[in-house]
Amino acid sequence: MPSTLHSEAVASTLNRLLAAEERQDLEAAFADAGIDVAGDFPIELSAADLAERTKDIIMSVSREGGQLLYLFTRAVKARSVVEFGTSFGISTLYLAAAVRDNGGGQVITTELQSDKARRARENFAAAGLGDLIDLRLGDARETLRELPGTVDLLLLDGWPNLRLPILNLVQPRLRPGALVIVDDIDLDIGRDFNQGFLDHINDPANGYLSVRLPVHMGVQMCLKLG
């Protein structure tokens, strides 16, 4: 059976979004938003302020990173997926395509900025995958409190300072063998928070086996043990 990724609706939607992302000058876009990507993470700004400042910036997985998401979601036969950080929905589409090819299920994703959430929903509809996606508008620390009994895969692709709190929030729902995938683990702007996350995930006492993959700006793959 052909992959849903190769369907006309999904492929054309992803190609349009990825082409727009590749045309961006990301460093200039962040500078216009008052964020120095070569400096420290702007901890003085709230999550809502950061979301508002970056509402027009496409922040998502690379094309190769998206294919990796699809492959691993298929490999673990995930049907219950949680994503932190929707943006315009590129990574969500890769996850939802895999869930469809796994026989159905749900991708729960969350976005703080309302304009991005609206545009993401439009992209989900254009790709024909909206029926598989539950997009929750608001702060992930609140929107992800209510989850299904078990979660097969968690993607952490939001602000680096919130990745560990979100992992701790979702962790009780992760089944043994579930995957936690972290994008942009090498991003300079979040290096201190990313290091804190890595220290946590690489400590065997916390119940994970973890490895870094050299994809785009670094992808950390973590297996929930037990």
C-alpha atoms as a PDB file:
ATOM      1  CA  MET A   1       0.000   0.000   0.000  1.00  0.00           C
ATOM      2  CA  PRO A   2       1.458   3.429  -0.908  1.00  0.00           C
ATOM      3  CA  SER A   3       2.366   5.734   1.973  1.00  0.00           C
ATOM      4  CA  THR A   4      -0.112   8.471   2.810  1.00  0.00           C
ATOM      5  CA  LEU A   5       2.883  10.824   2.526  1.00  0.00           C
ATOM      6  CA  HIS A   6       2.769  10.247  -1.228  1.00  0.00           C
ATOM      7  CA  SER A   7      -0.895  11.119  -1.635  1.00  0.00           C
ATOM      8  CA  GLU A   8      -1.458  14.250  -3.696  1.00  0.00           C
ATOM      9  CA  ALA A   9      -3.111  16.207  -0.875  1.00  0.00           C
ATOM     10  CA  VAL A  10      -0.433  15.467   1.731  1.00  0.00           C
ATOM     11  CA  ALA A  11       2.573  15.756  -0.586  1.00  0.00           C
ATOM     12  CA  SER A  12       1.456  19.058  -2.104  1.00  0.00           C
ATOM     13  CA  THR A  13       0.657  20.586   1.298  1.00  0.00           C
ATOM     14  CA  LEU A  14       4.012  19.542   2.758  1.00  0.00           C
ATOM     15  CA  ASN A  15       5.934  20.698  -0.303  1.00  0.00           C
ATOM     16  CA  ARG A  16       4.273  24.116  -0.132  1.00  0.00           C
ATOM     17  CA  LEU A  17       5.024  24.540   3.573  1.00  0.00           C
ATOM     18  CA  LEU A  18       8.578  23.205   3.410  1.00  0.00           C
ATOM     19  CA  ALA A  19       9.382  25.428   0.428  1.00  0.00           C
ATOM     20  CA  ALA A  20       8.150  28.445   2.392  1.00  0.00           C
ATOM     21  CA  GLU A  21      10.253  27.399   5.384  1.00  0.00           C
ATOM     22  CA  GLU A  22      13.358  26.971   3.220  1.00  0.00           C
ATOM     23  CA  ARG A  23      12.909  30.492   1.788  1.00  0.00           C
ATOM     24  CA  GLN A  24      13.059  32.014   5.261  1.00  0.00           C
ATOM     25  CA  ASP A  25      16.098  33.789   6.609  1.00  0.00           C
ATOM     26  CA  LEU A  26      15.565  32.362  10.068  1.00  0.00           C
ATOM     27  CA  GLU A  27      18.250  34.380  11.812  1.00  0.00           C
ATOM     28  CA  ALA A  28      16.870  37.625  10.352  1.00  0.00           C
ATOM     29  CA  ALA A  29      13.308  36.639  11.248  1.00  0.00           C
ATOM     30  CA  PHE A  30      14.299  36.026  14.868  1.00  0.00           C
ATOM     31  CA  ALA A  31      16.243  39.283  14.922  1.00  0.00           C
ATOM     32  CA  ASP A  32      13.132  41.129  13.729  1.00  0.00           C
ATOM     33  CA  ALA A  33      11.297  39.450  16.605  1.00  0.00           C
ATOM     34  CA  GLY A  34      13.902  40.764  19.047  1.00  0.00           C
ATOM     35  CA  ILE A  35      15.482  37.362  19.670  1.00  0.00           C
ATOM     36  CA  ASP A  36      19.224  36.801  19.273  1.00  0.00           C
ATOM     37  CA  VAL A  37      19.688  33.215  18.092  1.00  0.00           C
ATOM     38  CA  ALA A  38      23.402  33.466  18.898  1.00  0.00           C
ATOM     39  CA  GLY A  39      22.713  34.568  22.456  1.00  0.00           C
ATOM     40  CA  ASP A  40      21.039  33.204  25.544  1.00  0.00           C
ATOM     41  CA  PHE A  41      17.447  32.038  25.627  1.00  0.00           C
ATOM     42  CA  PRO A  42      15.224  35.070  26.374  1.00  0.00           C
ATOM     43  CA  ILE A  43      14.014  33.863  29.764  1.00  0.00           C
ATOM     44  CA  GLU A  44      12.626  37.327  30.524  1.00  0.00           C
ATOM     45  CA  LEU A  45       9.875  36.708  27.968  1.00  0.00           C
ATOM     46  CA  SER A  46       6.825  34.604  28.769  1.00  0.00           C
ATOM     47  CA  ALA A  47       5.787  31.753  26.512  1.00  0.00           C
ATOM     48  CA  ALA A  48       2.884  33.916  25.297  1.00  0.00           C
ATOM     49  CA  ASP A  49       5.223  36.805  24.443  1.00  0.00           C
ATOM     50  CA  LEU A  50       7.576  34.491  22.558  1.00  0.00           C
ATOM     51  CA  ALA A  51       4.678  32.967  20.659  1.00  0.00           C
ATOM     52  CA  GLU A  52       3.314  36.370  19.666  1.00  0.00           C
ATOM     53  CA  ARG A  53       6.705  37.683  18.536  1.00  0.00           C
ATOM     54  CA  THR A  54       7.323  34.621  16.356  1.00  0.00           C
ATOM     55  CA  LYS A  55       3.811  34.136  14.989  1.00  0.00           C
ATOM     56  CA  ASP A  56       4.913  34.550  11.361  1.00  0.00           C
ATOM     57  CA  ILE A  57       8.024  32.381  11.609  1.00  0.00           C
ATOM     58  CA  ILE A  58       7.791  28.816  10.349  1.00  0.00           C
ATOM     59  CA  MET A  59       9.555  26.702  12.996  1.00  0.00           C
ATOM     60  CA  SER A  60       9.370  23.063  12.152  1.00  0.00           C
ATOM     61  CA  VAL A  61      11.236  19.883  11.406  1.00  0.00           C
ATOM     62  CA  SER A  62      13.348  19.679   8.274  1.00  0.00           C
ATOM     63  CA  ARG A  63      12.200  17.557   5.339  1.00  0.00           C
ATOM     64  CA  GLU A  64      14.574  14.784   6.459  1.00  0.00           C
ATOM     65  CA  GLY A  65      13.430  15.201  10.057  1.00  0.00           C
ATOM     66  CA  GLY A  66       9.802  14.865   8.990  1.00  0.00           C
ATOM     67  CA  GLN A  67      10.539  11.648   7.136  1.00  0.00           C
ATOM     68  CA  LEU A  68      12.275  10.392  10.266  1.00  0.00           C
ATOM     69  CA  LEU A  69       9.147  11.176  12.292  1.00  0.00           C
ATOM     70  CA  TYR A  70       7.025   9.225   9.832  1.00  0.00           C
ATOM     71  CA  LEU A  71       9.393   6.221   9.876  1.00  0.00           C
ATOM     72  CA  PHE A  72       9.609   5.966  13.661  1.00  0.00           C
ATOM     73  CA  THR A  73       5.881   6.505  14.137  1.00  0.00           C
ATOM     74  CA  ARG A  74       5.258   3.646  11.729  1.00  0.00           C
ATOM     75  CA  ALA A  75       7.986   1.487  13.271  1.00  0.00           C
ATOM     76  CA  VAL A  76       6.466   1.545  16.776  1.00  0.00           C
ATOM     77  CA  LYS A  77       2.934   1.264  15.304  1.00  0.00           C
ATOM     78  CA  ALA A  78       1.954   4.421  17.172  1.00  0.00           C
ATOM     79  CA  ARG A  79      -1.746   5.230  17.258  1.00  0.00           C
ATOM     80  CA  SER A  80      -1.682   7.658  20.174  1.00  0.00           C
ATOM     81  CA  VAL A  81       0.746  10.536  19.541  1.00  0.00           C
ATOM     82  CA  VAL A  82       1.331  13.769  21.456  1.00  0.00           C
ATOM     83  CA  GLU A  83       3.172  16.777  20.023  1.00  0.00           C
ATOM     84  CA  PHE A  84       4.421  19.859  21.858  1.00  0.00           C
ATOM     85  CA  GLY A  85       4.725  22.729  19.368  1.00  0.00           C
ATOM     86  CA  THR A  86       2.434  22.771  16.338  1.00  0.00           C
ATOM     87  CA  SER A  87       3.584  25.952  14.581  1.00  0.00           C
ATOM     88  CA  PHE A  88       2.088  25.699  11.056  1.00  0.00           C
ATOM     89  CA  GLY A  89       1.584  21.946  11.356  1.00  0.00           C
ATOM     90  CA  ILE A  90       4.401  20.482   9.248  1.00  0.00           C
ATOM     91  CA  SER A  91       5.558  17.917  11.796  1.00  0.00           C
ATOM     92  CA  THR A  92       1.937  17.210  12.713  1.00  0.00           C
ATOM     93  CA  LEU A  93       1.217  16.187   9.127  1.00  0.00           C
ATOM     94  CA  TYR A  94       4.095  13.696   9.104  1.00  0.00           C
ATOM     95  CA  LEU A  95       2.838  12.218  12.375  1.00  0.00           C
ATOM     96  CA  ALA A  96      -0.788  12.072  11.229  1.00  0.00           C
ATOM     97  CA  ALA A  97       0.151  10.443   7.907  1.00  0.00           C
ATOM     98  CA  ALA A  98       1.954   7.716   9.837  1.00  0.00           C
ATOM     99  CA  VAL A  99      -0.967   7.244  12.233  1.00  0.00           C
ATOM    100  CA  ARG A 100      -3.314   6.872   9.266  1.00  0.00           C
ATOM    101  CA  ASP A 101      -1.031   4.225   7.766  1.00  0.00           C
ATOM    102  CA  ASN A 102      -0.888   2.487  11.152  1.00  0.00           C
ATOM    103  CA  GLY A 103      -4.636   1.945  10.928  1.00  0.00           C
ATOM    104  CA  GLY A 104      -5.906   5.134  12.546  1.00  0.00           C
ATOM    105  CA  GLY A 105      -5.683   6.873  15.879  1.00  0.00           C
ATOM    106  CA  GLN A 106      -5.088  10.401  17.100  1.00  0.00           C
ATOM    107  CA  VAL A 107      -2.389  13.059  17.133  1.00  0.00           C
ATOM    108  CA  ILE A 108      -2.855  15.498  19.996  1.00  0.00           C
ATOM    109  CA  THR A 109      -0.923  18.685  19.340  1.00  0.00           C
ATOM    110  CA  THR A 110      -0.841  22.045  21.042  1.00  0.00           C
ATOM    111  CA  GLU A 111      -0.168  25.621  19.923  1.00  0.00           C
ATOM    112  CA  LEU A 112      -0.165  28.778  22.017  1.00  0.00           C
ATOM    113  CA  GLN A 113      -0.517  31.361  19.226  1.00  0.00           C
ATOM    114  CA  SER A 114      -4.049  31.579  17.770  1.00  0.00           C
ATOM    115  CA  ASP A 115      -3.071  32.732  14.248  1.00  0.00           C
ATOM    116  CA  LYS A 116      -0.666  29.822  13.879  1.00  0.00           C
ATOM    117  CA  ALA A 117      -3.288  27.421  15.178  1.00  0.00           C
ATOM    118  CA  ARG A 118      -5.804  28.686  12.613  1.00  0.00           C
ATOM    119  CA  ARG A 119      -3.343  28.314   9.750  1.00  0.00           C
ATOM    120  CA  ALA A 120      -2.300  24.865  10.975  1.00  0.00           C
ATOM    121  CA  ARG A 121      -5.944  23.731  10.911  1.00  0.00           C
ATOM    122  CA  GLU A 122      -6.202  25.004   7.337  1.00  0.00           C
ATOM    123  CA  ASN A 123      -3.140  22.940   6.432  1.00  0.00           C
ATOM    124  CA  PHE A 124      -4.578  19.850   8.114  1.00  0.00           C
ATOM    125  CA  ALA A 125      -7.775  20.228   6.104  1.00  0.00           C
ATOM    126  CA  ALA A 126      -5.852  20.779   2.855  1.00  0.00           C
ATOM    127  CA  ALA A 127      -3.894  17.569   3.471  1.00  0.00           C
ATOM    128  CA  GLY A 128      -7.040  15.604   4.303  1.00  0.00           C
ATOM    129  CA  LEU A 129      -5.730  14.622   7.741  1.00  0.00           C
ATOM    130  CA  GLY A 130      -7.787  16.870   9.997  1.00  0.00           C
ATOM    131  CA  ASP A 131      -9.919  13.979  11.243  1.00  0.00           C
ATOM    132  CA  LEU A 132      -6.879  12.462  12.965  1.00  0.00           C
ATOM    133  CA  ILE A 133      -5.643  15.645  14.670  1.00  0.00           C
ATOM    134  CA  ASP A 134      -6.780  17.206  17.939  1.00  0.00           C
ATOM    135  CA  LEU A 135      -5.202  20.682  18.001  1.00  0.00           C
ATOM    136  CA  ARG A 136      -5.473  22.266  21.419  1.00  0.00           C
ATOM    137  CA  LEU A 137      -5.067  26.041  21.676  1.00  0.00           C
ATOM    138  CA  GLY A 138      -3.249  27.322  24.733  1.00  0.00           C
ATOM    139  CA  ASP A 139      -0.284  26.741  27.022  1.00  0.00           C
ATOM    140  CA  ALA A 140       0.919  23.136  26.687  1.00  0.00           C
ATOM    141  CA  ARG A 141       1.378  22.917  30.445  1.00  0.00           C
ATOM    142  CA  GLU A 142      -2.416  23.137  30.656  1.00  0.00           C
ATOM    143  CA  THR A 143      -3.663  21.722  27.338  1.00  0.00           C
ATOM    144  CA  LEU A 144      -1.763  18.439  27.760  1.00  0.00           C
ATOM    145  CA  ARG A 145      -3.032  17.650  31.239  1.00  0.00           C
ATOM    146  CA  GLU A 146      -5.857  15.536  29.833  1.00  0.00           C
ATOM    147  CA  LEU A 147      -4.514  12.682  27.692  1.00  0.00           C
ATOM    148  CA  PRO A 148      -5.510   9.146  26.668  1.00  0.00           C
ATOM    149  CA  GLY A 149      -4.600   6.242  28.910  1.00  0.00           C
ATOM    150  CA  THR A 150      -1.388   5.515  27.046  1.00  0.00           C
ATOM    151  CA  VAL A 151       0.810   7.478  24.661  1.00  0.00           C
ATOM    152  CA  ASP A 152       2.946   5.683  22.055  1.00  0.00           C
ATOM    153  CA  LEU A 153       5.073   8.616  20.889  1.00  0.00           C
ATOM    154  CA  LEU A 154       5.832  12.131  22.143  1.00  0.00           C
ATOM    155  CA  LEU A 155       7.401  14.818  19.967  1.00  0.00           C
ATOM    156  CA  LEU A 156       8.998  17.740  21.820  1.00  0.00           C
ATOM    157  CA  ASP A 157       9.460  20.548  19.305  1.00  0.00           C
ATOM    158  CA  GLY A 158       8.456  23.623  21.291  1.00  0.00           C
ATOM    159  CA  TRP A 159      10.517  26.137  23.271  1.00  0.00           C
ATOM    160  CA  PRO A 160      13.587  24.481  24.861  1.00  0.00           C
ATOM    161  CA  ASN A 161      12.839  25.762  28.371  1.00  0.00           C
ATOM    162  CA  LEU A 162       9.514  23.896  28.395  1.00  0.00           C
ATOM    163  CA  ARG A 163      10.658  20.530  27.055  1.00  0.00           C
ATOM    164  CA  LEU A 164      11.514  18.961  30.402  1.00  0.00           C
ATOM    165  CA  PRO A 165       8.331  20.219  32.114  1.00  0.00           C
ATOM    166  CA  ILE A 166       6.240  18.816  29.230  1.00  0.00           C
ATOM    167  CA  LEU A 167       8.092  15.490  29.343  1.00  0.00           C
ATOM    168  CA  ASN A 168       7.402  15.250  33.071  1.00  0.00           C
ATOM    169  CA  LEU A 169       3.745  16.084  32.439  1.00  0.00           C
ATOM    170  CA  VAL A 170       3.265  13.412  29.747  1.00  0.00           C
ATOM    171  CA  GLN A 171       5.608  10.785  31.195  1.00  0.00           C
ATOM    172  CA  PRO A 172       3.001   8.971  33.334  1.00  0.00           C
ATOM    173  CA  ARG A 173       1.075   8.213  30.118  1.00  0.00           C
ATOM    174  CA  LEU A 174       4.048   6.904  28.127  1.00  0.00           C
ATOM    175  CA  ARG A 175       3.889   3.156  27.699  1.00  0.00           C
ATOM    176  CA  PRO A 176       7.024   1.017  27.970  1.00  0.00           C
ATOM    177  CA  GLY A 177       8.628   1.124  24.523  1.00  0.00           C
ATOM    178  CA  ALA A 178       7.191   4.550  23.718  1.00  0.00           C
ATOM    179  CA  LEU A 179       9.431   6.985  21.866  1.00  0.00           C
ATOM    180  CA  VAL A 180      10.242  10.553  22.856  1.00  0.00           C
ATOM    181  CA  ILE A 181      11.667  12.546  19.935  1.00  0.00           C
ATOM    182  CA  VAL A 182      13.274  15.939  20.526  1.00  0.00           C
ATOM    183  CA  ASP A 183      13.998  18.223  17.578  1.00  0.00           C
ATOM    184  CA  ASP A 184      16.704  20.929  17.400  1.00  0.00           C
ATOM    185  CA  ILE A 185      18.613  19.561  20.362  1.00  0.00           C
ATOM    186  CA  ASP A 186      21.743  21.411  19.162  1.00  0.00           C
ATOM    187  CA  LEU A 187      20.036  24.800  18.782  1.00  0.00           C
ATOM    188  CA  ASP A 188      22.357  27.400  20.330  1.00  0.00           C
ATOM    189  CA  ILE A 189      19.608  29.607  21.711  1.00  0.00           C
ATOM    190  CA  GLY A 190      18.394  26.832  23.985  1.00  0.00           C
ATOM    191  CA  ARG A 191      21.731  25.205  24.799  1.00  0.00           C
ATOM    192  CA  ASP A 192      21.427  25.493  28.593  1.00  0.00           C
ATOM    193  CA  PHE A 193      17.896  24.095  28.629  1.00  0.00           C
ATOM    194  CA  ASN A 194      18.782  21.413  26.092  1.00  0.00           C
ATOM    195  CA  GLN A 195      21.729  20.359  28.257  1.00  0.00           C
ATOM    196  CA  GLY A 196      19.448  20.124  31.266  1.00  0.00           C
ATOM    197  CA  PHE A 197      17.068  17.975  29.248  1.00  0.00           C
ATOM    198  CA  LEU A 198      19.941  15.750  28.068  1.00  0.00           C
ATOM    199  CA  ASP A 199      21.257  15.364  31.613  1.00  0.00           C
ATOM    200  CA  HIS A 200      17.805  14.171  32.649  1.00  0.00           C
ATOM    201  CA  ILE A 201      17.152  11.845  29.730  1.00  0.00           C
ATOM    202  CA  ASN A 202      20.643  10.298  29.873  1.00  0.00           C
ATOM    203  CA  ASP A 203      20.411   9.440  33.562  1.00  0.00           C
ATOM    204  CA  PRO A 204      19.413   5.736  33.700  1.00  0.00           C
ATOM    205  CA  ALA A 205      17.509   6.409  36.929  1.00  0.00           C
ATOM    206  CA  ASN A 206      14.923   8.338  34.905  1.00  0.00           C
ATOM    207  CA  GLY A 207      13.990   5.321  32.784  1.00  0.00           C
ATOM    208  CA  TYR A 208      15.113   6.160  29.249  1.00  0.00           C
ATOM    209  CA  LEU A 209      17.651   5.006  26.687  1.00  0.00           C
ATOM    210  CA  SER A 210      18.700   7.914  24.502  1.00  0.00           C
ATOM    211  CA  VAL A 211      20.812   8.609  21.412  1.00  0.00           C
ATOM    212  CA  ARG A 212      21.465  11.712  19.302  1.00  0.00           C
ATOM    213  CA  LEU A 213      20.908  11.510  15.554  1.00  0.00           C
ATOM    214  CA  PRO A 214      22.807  13.915  13.234  1.00  0.00           C
ATOM    215  CA  VAL A 215      19.723  15.208  11.428  1.00  0.00           C
ATOM    216  CA  HIS A 216      19.387  18.955  10.713  1.00  0.00           C
ATOM    217  CA  MET A 217      20.042  20.717  14.050  1.00  0.00           C
ATOM    218  CA  GLY A 218      20.144  17.467  15.999  1.00  0.00           C
ATOM    219  CA  VAL A 219      17.401  14.999  16.892  1.00  0.00           C
ATOM    220  CA  GLN A 220      17.421  13.173  20.220  1.00  0.00           C
ATOM    221  CA  MET A 221      15.708   9.773  20.219  1.00  0.00           C
ATOM    222  CA  CYS A 222      14.632   8.462  23.598  1.00  0.00           C
ATOM    223  CA  LEU A 223      13.108   5.057  24.393  1.00  0.00           C
ATOM    224  CA  LYS A 224      10.898   4.713  27.474  1.00  0.00           C
ATOM    225  CA  LEU A 225      12.103   1.650  29.324  1.00  0.00           C
ATOM    226  CA  GLY A 226      10.072  -0.622  31.570  1.00  0.00           C
END
